[in-house]
């Protein structure tokens, strides 16, 4: 999907949150925000929001003198997510519908997003998501597709959320033991997206195969991916794509059998899906 006027204000607001996150002084804050506002005046409205945002974040990092703007926030989100794993494991195991509980576990992690238009409390989200139906519910079709699949590419989103992704994959492996899963991460630090470093720290390589997409954007952009990542994207029986960034970059989809799992946290994505902010979505294309 292409960027909309509303996205420009959202990206500017994100730049201000970056300044807060890195404790920038007034001078640095002014340089960063002014840079972003000036750059957005020439925004290419044929591109997706994550593609527009990526070089801006890279330059914000340069101005701030850091490689990873949200390093400490990602570490905190990961610690917070880890504290909920025993509860989520028990919830899945005791559920009368473990597949649905597994999908909800994946979605509940999607609230960990420092670039969202609105914020959510993780504890509140975990308590509410399991009692909230999918506003768009293709879970039955997803289950049927998984039964026929041998390879699944699971494209991650944010750090912290990756802890829930690992549990989701483990649960899916129990339900569909004949599937080979690959977990794909971003090519380098961008906003709070999960990279190979966070995935290795979480030992996800002991759960499934890990792959670096090579993509520098907060969402999977096929044209920017490594040849190996493109090949897996093309050949996997099913793709599970987490979060709004992946949805924005892969809509309209380039292939069949892409399942988008996300919580709607932005008015533009809400309009695209015909849903409301706060809705949870399981959409199989």
Protein backbone atom coordinates (compact mmCIF):
# COMPACT_ATOMS: atom_id res chain seq x y z
CA UNK A 1 0.00 0.00 0.00
CA UNK A 2 1.19 3.52 -0.72
CA UNK A 3 1.80 6.29 1.77
CA UNK A 4 -1.08 8.65 2.61
CA UNK A 5 -1.09 12.23 3.90
CA UNK A 6 -1.86 10.98 7.42
CA UNK A 7 1.37 8.97 7.36
CA UNK A 8 3.50 12.11 7.09
CA UNK A 9 2.29 13.44 10.42
CA UNK A 10 2.75 9.99 11.94
CA UNK A 11 6.37 9.78 10.79
CA UNK A 12 7.05 13.27 12.18
CA UNK A 13 5.54 12.20 15.49
CA UNK A 14 7.77 9.13 15.40
CA UNK A 15 10.83 11.35 15.04
CA UNK A 16 9.83 13.18 18.21
CA UNK A 17 9.46 9.85 20.02
CA UNK A 18 12.94 8.93 18.82
CA UNK A 19 14.29 12.09 20.44
CA UNK A 20 12.56 11.19 23.68
CA UNK A 21 13.88 7.64 23.54
CA UNK A 22 17.51 8.72 23.12
CA UNK A 23 17.15 11.62 25.59
CA UNK A 24 18.17 14.13 22.94
CA UNK A 25 18.79 17.68 24.07
CA UNK A 26 16.85 20.57 22.54
CA UNK A 27 19.41 21.24 19.80
CA UNK A 28 19.58 17.63 18.63
CA UNK A 29 15.80 17.32 18.81
CA UNK A 30 15.41 20.36 16.58
CA UNK A 31 17.93 19.00 14.04
CA UNK A 32 16.23 15.60 13.87
CA UNK A 33 12.66 16.85 13.65
CA UNK A 34 13.55 19.57 11.15
CA UNK A 35 15.40 17.03 8.99
CA UNK A 36 12.38 14.71 8.95
CA UNK A 37 9.86 17.46 8.24
CA UNK A 38 11.99 18.83 5.40
CA UNK A 39 12.52 15.39 3.88
CA UNK A 40 8.82 14.57 3.96
CA UNK A 41 8.05 17.63 1.86
CA UNK A 42 9.36 15.65 -1.11
CA UNK A 43 7.79 12.30 -0.17
CA UNK A 44 7.12 9.93 -3.08
CA UNK A 45 3.47 8.94 -2.76
CA UNK A 46 4.01 5.88 -4.93
CA UNK A 47 5.99 4.22 -2.11
CA UNK A 48 4.85 2.49 1.07
CA UNK A 49 5.20 4.15 4.49
CA UNK A 50 8.01 1.80 5.63
CA UNK A 51 10.02 2.50 2.48
CA UNK A 52 9.63 6.26 3.02
CA UNK A 53 10.55 5.93 6.70
CA UNK A 54 13.65 3.73 6.33
CA UNK A 55 16.21 6.32 5.08
CA UNK A 56 14.83 8.86 7.54
CA UNK A 57 15.56 6.54 10.45
CA UNK A 58 19.00 5.80 9.08
CA UNK A 59 19.80 9.52 9.01
CA UNK A 60 18.27 10.06 12.46
CA UNK A 61 20.68 7.43 13.75
CA UNK A 62 23.57 9.25 12.07
CA UNK A 63 22.53 12.56 13.62
CA UNK A 64 22.21 10.87 17.02
CA UNK A 65 25.58 9.12 16.65
CA UNK A 66 24.23 5.63 17.20
CA UNK A 67 23.73 2.45 15.19
CA UNK A 68 20.52 1.40 16.93
CA UNK A 69 18.13 4.14 18.06
CA UNK A 70 15.99 1.81 20.17
CA UNK A 71 18.61 -0.59 21.52
CA UNK A 72 17.66 -0.15 25.18
CA UNK A 73 13.93 -0.10 24.48
CA UNK A 74 14.22 -3.36 22.55
CA UNK A 75 16.05 -4.96 25.46
CA UNK A 76 13.33 -3.82 27.87
CA UNK A 77 10.56 -5.09 25.56
CA UNK A 78 12.29 -8.46 25.32
CA UNK A 79 12.56 -8.77 29.10
CA UNK A 80 8.92 -7.81 29.46
CA UNK A 81 7.82 -10.34 26.84
CA UNK A 82 9.84 -13.13 28.45
CA UNK A 83 8.01 -12.59 31.74
CA UNK A 84 4.70 -13.54 30.07
CA UNK A 85 5.88 -16.77 28.43
CA UNK A 86 4.86 -19.16 31.27
CA UNK A 87 1.34 -17.68 31.29
CA UNK A 88 1.04 -17.90 27.51
CA UNK A 89 2.34 -21.48 27.42
CA UNK A 90 -0.27 -22.47 30.01
CA UNK A 91 -2.99 -20.61 28.12
CA UNK A 92 -2.23 -22.51 24.90
CA UNK A 93 -1.94 -25.88 26.64
CA UNK A 94 -5.20 -25.49 28.53
CA UNK A 95 -7.17 -24.01 25.65
CA UNK A 96 -10.03 -25.95 24.06
CA UNK A 97 -8.88 -24.41 20.79
CA UNK A 98 -5.05 -24.47 20.88
CA UNK A 99 -4.70 -23.29 17.27
CA UNK A 100 -6.72 -20.16 17.92
CA UNK A 101 -4.84 -19.58 21.18
CA UNK A 102 -1.58 -19.90 19.25
CA UNK A 103 -2.65 -17.27 16.72
CA UNK A 104 -3.75 -14.98 19.53
CA UNK A 105 -0.33 -15.43 21.16
CA UNK A 106 1.29 -14.25 17.93
CA UNK A 107 -1.01 -11.25 17.66
CA UNK A 108 -0.74 -10.15 21.28
CA UNK A 109 2.97 -9.62 20.84
CA UNK A 110 2.24 -7.24 18.00
CA UNK A 111 1.34 -4.48 20.48
CA UNK A 112 5.08 -3.97 21.13
CA UNK A 113 5.52 -1.20 18.59
CA UNK A 114 7.30 2.08 19.24
CA UNK A 115 6.25 3.47 15.87
CA UNK A 116 2.50 3.00 16.28
CA UNK A 117 -0.01 5.82 16.03
CA UNK A 118 -1.44 4.74 19.37
CA UNK A 119 0.10 2.81 22.26
CA UNK A 120 -1.12 -0.27 24.07
CA UNK A 121 -0.42 -1.71 27.48
CA UNK A 122 1.02 -5.22 27.09
CA UNK A 123 -0.59 -6.60 30.23
CA UNK A 124 -3.99 -5.25 29.24
CA UNK A 125 -3.56 -6.53 25.67
CA UNK A 126 -2.75 -10.05 26.80
CA UNK A 127 -5.84 -10.11 29.00
CA UNK A 128 -8.09 -8.76 26.24
CA UNK A 129 -6.85 -10.43 23.06
CA UNK A 130 -7.72 -13.95 24.17
CA UNK A 131 -11.35 -12.92 24.67
CA UNK A 132 -11.54 -10.80 21.53
CA UNK A 133 -12.57 -12.40 18.21
CA UNK A 134 -10.62 -11.68 15.05
CA UNK A 135 -12.31 -8.80 13.24
CA UNK A 136 -11.11 -10.43 10.03
CA UNK A 137 -10.92 -14.17 10.63
CA UNK A 138 -9.34 -16.47 8.06
CA UNK A 139 -8.06 -18.85 10.74
CA UNK A 140 -10.03 -21.83 9.37
CA UNK A 141 -8.53 -21.32 5.91
CA UNK A 142 -5.10 -20.84 7.50
CA UNK A 143 -5.45 -24.16 9.33
CA UNK A 144 -6.37 -25.92 6.10
CA UNK A 145 -3.39 -24.35 4.34
CA UNK A 146 -1.03 -25.41 7.13
CA UNK A 147 -2.25 -29.00 6.84
CA UNK A 148 -1.14 -29.00 3.18
CA UNK A 149 2.16 -27.16 3.76
CA UNK A 150 5.66 -28.50 4.08
CA UNK A 151 7.51 -25.17 4.37
CA UNK A 152 6.43 -21.99 6.16
CA UNK A 153 8.22 -18.65 6.13
CA UNK A 154 7.37 -16.66 9.25
CA UNK A 155 8.38 -12.99 8.81
CA UNK A 156 8.94 -11.25 12.14
CA UNK A 157 8.22 -7.66 13.09
CA UNK A 158 9.37 -6.07 16.33
CA UNK A 159 11.89 -6.96 19.03
CA UNK A 160 10.12 -8.23 22.12
CA UNK A 161 7.39 -9.52 19.86
CA UNK A 162 9.92 -12.09 18.60
CA UNK A 163 9.70 -13.85 21.96
CA UNK A 164 6.00 -14.49 21.31
CA UNK A 165 6.83 -15.52 17.73
CA UNK A 166 9.16 -18.23 18.98
CA UNK A 167 6.43 -19.62 21.23
CA UNK A 168 3.97 -19.43 18.33
CA UNK A 169 6.29 -21.41 16.07
CA UNK A 170 6.87 -24.02 18.78
CA UNK A 171 3.13 -24.43 19.21
CA UNK A 172 2.55 -24.68 15.46
CA UNK A 173 5.28 -27.31 15.24
CA UNK A 174 3.34 -29.45 17.71
CA UNK A 175 0.13 -29.04 15.74
CA UNK A 176 1.80 -29.49 12.32
CA UNK A 177 4.94 -31.61 12.92
CA UNK A 178 5.71 -32.11 9.23
CA UNK A 179 6.31 -28.42 8.52
CA UNK A 180 9.76 -26.86 8.25
CA UNK A 181 9.65 -23.31 9.65
CA UNK A 182 11.99 -20.43 8.85
CA UNK A 183 11.95 -17.22 10.88
CA UNK A 184 12.99 -14.13 8.93
CA UNK A 185 14.35 -10.95 10.54
CA UNK A 186 15.31 -7.47 9.28
CA UNK A 187 18.64 -6.83 7.64
CA UNK A 188 19.76 -4.12 10.07
CA UNK A 189 18.42 -2.11 13.03
CA UNK A 190 15.45 0.01 12.00
CA UNK A 191 13.03 1.46 14.59
CA UNK A 192 12.52 -1.43 17.04
CA UNK A 193 12.33 -4.19 14.43
CA UNK A 194 13.81 -7.58 15.24
CA UNK A 195 17.26 -8.30 13.76
CA UNK A 196 19.43 -11.40 13.71
CA UNK A 197 21.09 -10.30 16.95
CA UNK A 198 17.84 -10.32 18.94
CA UNK A 199 16.79 -13.61 17.35
CA UNK A 200 20.09 -15.28 18.26
CA UNK A 201 20.01 -13.84 21.78
CA UNK A 202 16.56 -15.43 22.18
CA UNK A 203 17.95 -18.74 20.81
CA UNK A 204 15.27 -18.92 18.13
CA UNK A 205 17.85 -20.82 16.05
CA UNK A 206 17.19 -23.75 18.39
CA UNK A 207 13.48 -23.59 17.48
CA UNK A 208 13.68 -23.21 13.69
CA UNK A 209 15.86 -21.95 10.85
CA UNK A 210 16.80 -18.26 10.99
CA UNK A 211 17.24 -16.02 7.97
CA UNK A 212 18.32 -12.41 7.56
CA UNK A 213 16.13 -10.83 4.89
CA UNK A 214 18.72 -8.23 3.98
CA UNK A 215 15.89 -5.70 4.00
CA UNK A 216 16.67 -2.32 5.68
CA UNK A 217 13.02 -1.25 5.92
CA UNK A 218 10.46 -1.74 8.75
CA UNK A 219 8.59 -4.27 6.62
CA UNK A 220 9.55 -6.90 4.04
CA UNK A 221 10.21 -5.27 0.66
CA UNK A 222 10.79 -7.99 -1.91
CA UNK A 223 12.90 -5.83 -4.22
CA UNK A 224 15.31 -4.99 -1.38
CA UNK A 225 15.64 -8.55 -0.06
CA UNK A 226 18.67 -10.76 -0.60
CA UNK A 227 18.46 -13.33 -3.43
CA UNK A 228 18.23 -16.13 -0.86
CA UNK A 229 15.39 -14.37 0.96
CA UNK A 230 13.58 -13.76 -2.34
CA UNK A 231 13.93 -17.42 -3.25
CA UNK A 232 12.41 -18.55 0.04
CA UNK A 233 9.64 -15.98 -0.27
CA UNK A 234 8.82 -17.35 -3.73
CA UNK A 235 8.98 -21.04 -2.86
CA UNK A 236 7.58 -21.40 0.68
CA UNK A 237 4.19 -23.10 0.75
CA UNK A 238 2.89 -20.45 3.16
CA UNK A 239 4.06 -17.10 4.49
CA UNK A 240 2.98 -15.80 7.88
CA UNK A 241 3.72 -12.08 8.07
CA UNK A 242 3.52 -10.27 11.38
CA UNK A 243 2.59 -6.65 11.94
CA UNK A 244 1.54 -3.54 10.07
CA UNK A 245 4.91 -2.83 8.45
CA UNK A 246 4.86 -6.16 6.65
CA UNK A 247 1.23 -5.64 5.69
CA UNK A 248 1.99 -2.19 4.27
CA UNK A 249 4.96 -3.48 2.26
CA UNK A 250 3.21 -6.58 0.93
CA UNK A 251 -0.16 -5.11 -0.02
CA UNK A 252 -1.21 -5.84 -2.67
CA UNK A 253 0.43 -9.26 -2.20
CA UNK A 254 2.98 -10.51 -4.73
CA UNK A 255 1.87 -14.13 -4.35
CA UNK A 256 -0.81 -16.36 -2.89
CA UNK A 257 -0.85 -17.89 0.59
CA UNK A 258 0.36 -14.92 2.64
CA UNK A 259 -1.30 -14.72 6.05
CA UNK A 260 -1.16 -11.35 7.77
CA UNK A 261 -1.38 -11.49 11.57
CA UNK A 262 -1.58 -8.09 13.22
CA UNK A 263 -3.26 -5.69 15.58
CA UNK A 264 -4.53 -2.55 13.86
CA UNK A 265 -2.72 0.44 15.37
CA UNK A 266 -3.01 3.06 12.66
CA UNK A 267 -5.88 4.83 10.92
CA UNK A 268 -4.43 4.26 7.43
CA UNK A 269 -4.08 0.50 7.90
CA UNK A 270 -7.53 0.44 9.52
CA UNK A 271 -8.99 2.06 6.40
CA UNK A 272 -7.12 -0.35 4.11
CA UNK A 273 -8.54 -3.34 5.98
CA UNK A 274 -11.98 -1.84 6.56
CA UNK A 275 -11.45 -2.25 10.30
CA UNK A 276 -11.01 -0.15 13.43
CA UNK A 277 -7.92 0.75 15.45
CA UNK A 278 -7.55 -1.95 18.09
CA UNK A 279 -9.00 -4.76 15.94
CA UNK A 280 -7.03 -7.97 15.54
CA UNK A 281 -6.68 -9.51 12.11
CA UNK A 282 -5.93 -12.92 10.60
CA UNK A 283 -6.08 -12.32 6.84
CA UNK A 284 -5.05 -14.98 4.33
CA UNK A 285 -4.47 -13.79 0.76
